[in-house]
Amino acid sequence: MKKLICTLLICSIIVTGCAGSNPNPVNIYQPGDEKKSCSSLKATITLIDKQIEVKRVRQTEKAYGNAACAITGFFIIVPWFFMDLKGAEQVEIDALQQRKEALNIIAIEKDCEF
């Protein structure tokens, strides 16, 4: 019984250590943001919106993939090793939204109209 519990504990530690990619959030403030023109700010904000949309699609795809792996994992344990449990996309989406808000503040201070 103790061997089984130890084996399950070790397996769960290994699985959670390898369960997806680490988040790579963007910096909220980047050098030169204050010097950008209104058109450059608008282009950067538009690019951020596109990046957020791509990350949301990936997040949805991973959720479906994780659900499929979880269901098949009840029959064959191997799919559980391919689940992404770290939620890197949400961290990156939050960072992009914060950057967008920071750029919007700069645009308001410069009286830019979008």
N, C-alpha and C. Protein backbone atom coordinates (compact mmCIF):
# COMPACT_ATOMS: atom_id res chain seq x y z
N MET A 1 0.83 -1.19 0.00
CA MET A 1 0.00 0.00 0.00
C MET A 1 0.87 1.26 0.00
N LYS A 2 1.93 1.25 0.82
CA LYS A 2 2.81 2.41 0.88
C LYS A 2 3.53 2.61 -0.45
N LYS A 3 3.89 1.50 -1.10
CA LYS A 3 4.56 1.61 -2.40
C LYS A 3 3.64 2.22 -3.43
N LEU A 4 2.38 1.86 -3.40
CA LEU A 4 1.40 2.40 -4.34
C LEU A 4 1.22 3.89 -4.13
N ILE A 5 1.10 4.31 -2.90
CA ILE A 5 0.93 5.74 -2.59
C ILE A 5 2.17 6.51 -3.00
N CYS A 6 3.35 6.00 -2.71
CA CYS A 6 4.59 6.67 -3.10
C CYS A 6 4.72 6.76 -4.61
N THR A 7 4.35 5.70 -5.30
CA THR A 7 4.42 5.70 -6.76
C THR A 7 3.45 6.72 -7.34
N LEU A 8 2.24 6.78 -6.84
CA LEU A 8 1.26 7.76 -7.31
C LEU A 8 1.71 9.19 -7.01
N LEU A 9 2.32 9.40 -5.86
CA LEU A 9 2.81 10.72 -5.50
C LEU A 9 3.93 11.15 -6.44
N ILE A 10 4.85 10.27 -6.70
CA ILE A 10 5.96 10.58 -7.60
C ILE A 10 5.45 10.85 -9.00
N CYS A 11 4.52 10.05 -9.47
CA CYS A 11 3.95 10.26 -10.80
C CYS A 11 3.22 11.59 -10.89
N SER A 12 2.50 11.96 -9.86
CA SER A 12 1.78 13.24 -9.89
C SER A 12 2.74 14.41 -9.88
N ILE A 13 3.84 14.30 -9.18
CA ILE A 13 4.85 15.37 -9.17
C ILE A 13 5.47 15.51 -10.56
N ILE A 14 5.78 14.39 -11.18
CA ILE A 14 6.37 14.42 -12.52
C ILE A 14 5.39 15.00 -13.52
N VAL A 15 4.15 14.59 -13.44
CA VAL A 15 3.14 15.06 -14.39
C VAL A 15 2.92 16.56 -14.23
N THR A 16 2.83 17.06 -13.03
CA THR A 16 2.59 18.50 -12.84
C THR A 16 3.82 19.31 -13.23
N GLY A 17 4.98 18.74 -13.12
CA GLY A 17 6.20 19.45 -13.54
C GLY A 17 6.30 19.57 -15.04
N CYS A 18 5.70 18.67 -15.75
CA CYS A 18 5.78 18.66 -17.22
C CYS A 18 4.44 19.01 -17.86
N ALA A 19 3.53 19.54 -17.13
CA ALA A 19 2.16 19.72 -17.61
C ALA A 19 1.97 21.03 -18.35
N GLY A 20 2.65 21.21 -19.46
CA GLY A 20 2.43 22.38 -20.28
C GLY A 20 3.62 23.30 -20.33
N SER A 21 3.45 24.38 -21.06
CA SER A 21 4.54 25.34 -21.23
C SER A 21 4.43 26.45 -20.19
N ASN A 22 5.56 27.05 -19.90
CA ASN A 22 5.59 28.17 -18.96
C ASN A 22 5.09 29.43 -19.66
N PRO A 23 4.41 30.30 -18.94
CA PRO A 23 3.93 31.53 -19.55
C PRO A 23 5.09 32.46 -19.90
N ASN A 24 4.92 33.21 -20.97
CA ASN A 24 5.90 34.18 -21.40
C ASN A 24 5.18 35.52 -21.60
N PRO A 25 4.83 36.19 -20.49
CA PRO A 25 4.05 37.42 -20.61
C PRO A 25 4.88 38.57 -21.16
N VAL A 26 4.23 39.45 -21.87
CA VAL A 26 4.87 40.63 -22.44
C VAL A 26 5.02 41.68 -21.33
N ASN A 27 6.06 42.51 -21.42
CA ASN A 27 6.24 43.60 -20.46
C ASN A 27 5.15 44.64 -20.67
N ILE A 28 4.60 45.13 -19.60
CA ILE A 28 3.52 46.11 -19.70
C ILE A 28 4.04 47.42 -20.27
N TYR A 29 5.16 47.89 -19.77
CA TYR A 29 5.78 49.10 -20.27
C TYR A 29 7.06 48.73 -20.99
N GLN A 30 7.24 49.28 -22.18
CA GLN A 30 8.44 49.02 -22.95
C GLN A 30 9.11 50.34 -23.28
N PRO A 31 10.43 50.33 -23.39
CA PRO A 31 11.14 51.57 -23.68
C PRO A 31 10.63 52.20 -24.98
N GLY A 32 10.41 53.48 -24.93
CA GLY A 32 9.97 54.21 -26.11
C GLY A 32 8.47 54.31 -26.28
N ASP A 33 7.70 53.76 -25.36
CA ASP A 33 6.24 53.84 -25.48
C ASP A 33 5.76 55.29 -25.46
N GLU A 34 6.35 56.10 -24.61
CA GLU A 34 5.92 57.50 -24.49
C GLU A 34 6.25 58.31 -25.74
N LYS A 35 7.23 57.86 -26.52
CA LYS A 35 7.66 58.60 -27.71
C LYS A 35 6.89 58.20 -28.96
N LYS A 36 6.06 57.21 -28.87
CA LYS A 36 5.32 56.74 -30.05
C LYS A 36 4.30 57.77 -30.49
N SER A 37 4.12 57.83 -31.81
CA SER A 37 3.10 58.71 -32.37
C SER A 37 1.72 58.07 -32.20
N CYS A 38 0.69 58.85 -32.47
CA CYS A 38 -0.67 58.34 -32.33
C CYS A 38 -0.92 57.18 -33.29
N SER A 39 -0.43 57.28 -34.51
CA SER A 39 -0.65 56.20 -35.47
C SER A 39 0.11 54.94 -35.05
N SER A 40 1.28 55.11 -34.46
CA SER A 40 2.05 53.96 -33.97
C SER A 40 1.36 53.32 -32.77
N LEU A 41 0.80 54.13 -31.90
CA LEU A 41 0.06 53.60 -30.76
C LEU A 41 -1.16 52.82 -31.23
N LYS A 42 -1.86 53.37 -32.22
CA LYS A 42 -3.05 52.69 -32.74
C LYS A 42 -2.66 51.36 -33.38
N ALA A 43 -1.57 51.34 -34.13
CA ALA A 43 -1.12 50.10 -34.77
C ALA A 43 -0.71 49.07 -33.73
N THR A 44 -0.04 49.50 -32.68
CA THR A 44 0.38 48.58 -31.62
C THR A 44 -0.82 48.01 -30.88
N ILE A 45 -1.80 48.83 -30.60
CA ILE A 45 -3.01 48.38 -29.91
C ILE A 45 -3.78 47.39 -30.79
N THR A 46 -3.84 47.65 -32.09
CA THR A 46 -4.50 46.72 -33.02
C THR A 46 -3.77 45.38 -33.04
N LEU A 47 -2.45 45.42 -33.04
CA LEU A 47 -1.64 44.19 -33.02
C LEU A 47 -1.89 43.41 -31.73
N ILE A 48 -1.98 44.12 -30.62
CA ILE A 48 -2.24 43.46 -29.34
C ILE A 48 -3.61 42.79 -29.36
N ASP A 49 -4.61 43.46 -29.95
CA ASP A 49 -5.94 42.85 -30.05
C ASP A 49 -5.89 41.55 -30.84
N LYS A 50 -5.12 41.53 -31.92
CA LYS A 50 -4.99 40.32 -32.73
C LYS A 50 -4.28 39.22 -31.94
N GLN A 51 -3.24 39.59 -31.20
CA GLN A 51 -2.52 38.61 -30.40
C GLN A 51 -3.42 38.01 -29.32
N ILE A 52 -4.24 38.84 -28.70
CA ILE A 52 -5.17 38.36 -27.68
C ILE A 52 -6.15 37.36 -28.29
N GLU A 53 -6.66 37.67 -29.48
CA GLU A 53 -7.61 36.78 -30.13
C GLU A 53 -6.96 35.43 -30.46
N VAL A 54 -5.73 35.45 -30.96
CA VAL A 54 -5.02 34.20 -31.28
C VAL A 54 -4.82 33.37 -30.01
N LYS A 55 -4.44 34.03 -28.92
CA LYS A 55 -4.20 33.31 -27.67
C LYS A 55 -5.50 32.74 -27.10
N ARG A 56 -6.61 33.44 -27.29
CA ARG A 56 -7.90 32.91 -26.82
C ARG A 56 -8.32 31.68 -27.61
N VAL A 57 -8.05 31.70 -28.91
CA VAL A 57 -8.36 30.52 -29.73
C VAL A 57 -7.51 29.34 -29.27
N ARG A 58 -6.21 29.58 -29.04
CA ARG A 58 -5.33 28.51 -28.54
C ARG A 58 -5.80 28.00 -27.18
N GLN A 59 -6.22 28.92 -26.34
CA GLN A 59 -6.69 28.54 -25.01
C GLN A 59 -7.92 27.62 -25.12
N THR A 60 -8.83 27.95 -26.02
CA THR A 60 -10.02 27.12 -26.23
C THR A 60 -9.63 25.75 -26.79
N GLU A 61 -8.71 25.74 -27.75
CA GLU A 61 -8.26 24.47 -28.33
C GLU A 61 -7.60 23.59 -27.27
N LYS A 62 -6.80 24.20 -26.39
CA LYS A 62 -6.15 23.43 -25.34
C LYS A 62 -7.17 22.90 -24.34
N ALA A 63 -8.20 23.67 -24.09
CA ALA A 63 -9.24 23.21 -23.16
C ALA A 63 -9.93 21.97 -23.72
N TYR A 64 -10.24 21.99 -25.02
CA TYR A 64 -10.85 20.81 -25.64
C TYR A 64 -9.88 19.64 -25.64
N GLY A 65 -8.61 19.91 -25.93
CA GLY A 65 -7.61 18.85 -25.91
C GLY A 65 -7.43 18.25 -24.52
N ASN A 66 -7.42 19.12 -23.51
CA ASN A 66 -7.30 18.63 -22.14
C ASN A 66 -8.51 17.78 -21.74
N ALA A 67 -9.69 18.19 -22.18
CA ALA A 67 -10.89 17.41 -21.87
C ALA A 67 -10.81 16.03 -22.51
N ALA A 68 -10.36 16.01 -23.76
CA ALA A 68 -10.24 14.73 -24.45
C ALA A 68 -9.18 13.84 -23.78
N CYS A 69 -8.06 14.43 -23.39
CA CYS A 69 -7.02 13.66 -22.70
C CYS A 69 -7.51 13.16 -21.35
N ALA A 70 -8.26 13.99 -20.65
CA ALA A 70 -8.77 13.58 -19.34
C ALA A 70 -9.73 12.40 -19.47
N ILE A 71 -10.59 12.46 -20.46
CA ILE A 71 -11.56 11.38 -20.64
C ILE A 71 -10.87 10.09 -21.06
N THR A 72 -9.98 10.18 -22.04
CA THR A 72 -9.29 8.96 -22.47
C THR A 72 -8.30 8.49 -21.42
N GLY A 73 -7.85 9.38 -20.55
CA GLY A 73 -6.93 9.00 -19.49
C GLY A 73 -7.53 8.06 -18.47
N PHE A 74 -8.85 8.04 -18.38
CA PHE A 74 -9.49 7.11 -17.46
C PHE A 74 -9.36 5.65 -17.95
N PHE A 75 -9.22 5.52 -19.26
CA PHE A 75 -9.09 4.18 -19.83
C PHE A 75 -7.63 3.79 -20.05
N ILE A 76 -6.85 4.76 -20.54
CA ILE A 76 -5.42 4.56 -20.78
C ILE A 76 -4.72 5.75 -20.12
N ILE A 77 -3.83 5.53 -19.20
CA ILE A 77 -3.22 6.60 -18.41
C ILE A 77 -2.34 7.53 -19.24
N VAL A 78 -1.79 7.07 -20.33
CA VAL A 78 -0.82 7.83 -21.12
C VAL A 78 -1.32 9.23 -21.53
N PRO A 79 -2.56 9.43 -21.98
CA PRO A 79 -2.99 10.77 -22.39
C PRO A 79 -2.87 11.83 -21.29
N TRP A 80 -2.90 11.42 -20.04
CA TRP A 80 -2.77 12.40 -18.96
C TRP A 80 -1.42 13.10 -19.01
N PHE A 81 -0.42 12.46 -19.58
CA PHE A 81 0.90 13.07 -19.67
C PHE A 81 0.96 14.18 -20.71
N PHE A 82 -0.05 14.28 -21.55
CA PHE A 82 -0.06 15.28 -22.61
C PHE A 82 -0.99 16.45 -22.31
N MET A 83 -1.52 16.50 -21.11
CA MET A 83 -2.41 17.60 -20.74
C MET A 83 -1.60 18.85 -20.42
N ASP A 84 -2.14 20.00 -20.77
CA ASP A 84 -1.51 21.28 -20.46
C ASP A 84 -2.29 21.89 -19.30
N LEU A 85 -1.67 21.91 -18.12
CA LEU A 85 -2.37 22.36 -16.92
C LEU A 85 -1.86 23.69 -16.37
N LYS A 86 -0.88 24.30 -17.01
CA LYS A 86 -0.27 25.51 -16.45
C LYS A 86 -1.05 26.79 -16.76
N GLY A 87 -1.86 26.80 -17.78
CA GLY A 87 -2.65 27.99 -18.09
C GLY A 87 -1.81 29.16 -18.55
N ALA A 88 -0.80 28.89 -19.35
CA ALA A 88 0.11 29.95 -19.82
C ALA A 88 -0.62 30.99 -20.65
N GLU A 89 -1.59 30.57 -21.45
CA GLU A 89 -2.29 31.52 -22.31
C GLU A 89 -3.01 32.59 -21.51
N GLN A 90 -3.64 32.21 -20.41
CA GLN A 90 -4.38 33.20 -19.62
C GLN A 90 -3.44 34.23 -19.02
N VAL A 91 -2.28 33.81 -18.56
CA VAL A 91 -1.29 34.74 -18.01
C VAL A 91 -0.84 35.71 -19.11
N GLU A 92 -0.59 35.17 -20.31
CA GLU A 92 -0.16 36.01 -21.42
C GLU A 92 -1.26 36.96 -21.88
N ILE A 93 -2.50 36.49 -21.88
CA ILE A 93 -3.63 37.35 -22.25
C ILE A 93 -3.77 38.49 -21.25
N ASP A 94 -3.66 38.19 -19.97
CA ASP A 94 -3.75 39.23 -18.95
C ASP A 94 -2.66 40.28 -19.12
N ALA A 95 -1.44 39.84 -19.43
CA ALA A 95 -0.33 40.77 -19.62
C ALA A 95 -0.57 41.64 -20.86
N LEU A 96 -1.08 41.05 -21.93
CA LEU A 96 -1.38 41.82 -23.14
C LEU A 96 -2.48 42.85 -22.88
N GLN A 97 -3.49 42.47 -22.11
CA GLN A 97 -4.56 43.42 -21.80
C GLN A 97 -4.03 44.58 -20.95
N GLN A 98 -3.13 44.30 -20.02
CA GLN A 98 -2.54 45.35 -19.21
C GLN A 98 -1.68 46.27 -20.06
N ARG A 99 -0.95 45.70 -21.03
CA ARG A 99 -0.15 46.53 -21.93
C ARG A 99 -1.05 47.41 -22.78
N LYS A 100 -2.15 46.85 -23.26
CA LYS A 100 -3.10 47.63 -24.05
C LYS A 100 -3.66 48.79 -23.24
N GLU A 101 -3.99 48.54 -21.98
CA GLU A 101 -4.48 49.62 -21.11
C GLU A 101 -3.43 50.70 -20.91
N ALA A 102 -2.16 50.29 -20.75
CA ALA A 102 -1.09 51.26 -20.57
C ALA A 102 -0.92 52.11 -21.83
N LEU A 103 -1.00 51.49 -23.00
CA LEU A 103 -0.89 52.24 -24.26
C LEU A 103 -2.10 53.15 -24.46
N ASN A 104 -3.28 52.71 -24.04
CA ASN A 104 -4.46 53.57 -24.12
C ASN A 104 -4.31 54.81 -23.24
N ILE A 105 -3.70 54.65 -22.07
CA ILE A 105 -3.46 55.79 -21.18
C ILE A 105 -2.51 56.78 -21.85
N ILE A 106 -1.46 56.26 -22.48
CA ILE A 106 -0.52 57.14 -23.19
C ILE A 106 -1.23 57.86 -24.33
N ALA A 107 -2.11 57.13 -25.04
CA ALA A 107 -2.85 57.74 -26.15
C ALA A 107 -3.78 58.84 -25.65
N ILE A 108 -4.40 58.63 -24.51
CA ILE A 108 -5.28 59.66 -23.94
C ILE A 108 -4.47 60.89 -23.54
N GLU A 109 -3.30 60.67 -22.94
CA GLU A 109 -2.45 61.79 -22.54
C GLU A 109 -1.98 62.59 -23.74
N LYS A 110 -1.82 61.96 -24.91
CA LYS A 110 -1.38 62.64 -26.11
C LYS A 110 -2.55 63.18 -26.94
N ASP A 111 -3.76 63.01 -26.44
CA ASP A 111 -4.97 63.44 -27.14
C ASP A 111 -5.14 62.76 -28.49
N CYS A 112 -4.79 61.50 -28.55
CA CYS A 112 -4.98 60.73 -29.79
C CYS A 112 -6.45 60.33 -29.89
N GLU A 113 -6.95 60.33 -31.12
CA GLU A 113 -8.32 59.91 -31.32
C GLU A 113 -8.32 58.71 -32.25
N PHE A 114 -8.87 57.63 -31.78
CA PHE A 114 -8.93 56.41 -32.58
C PHE A 114 -10.34 56.21 -33.08
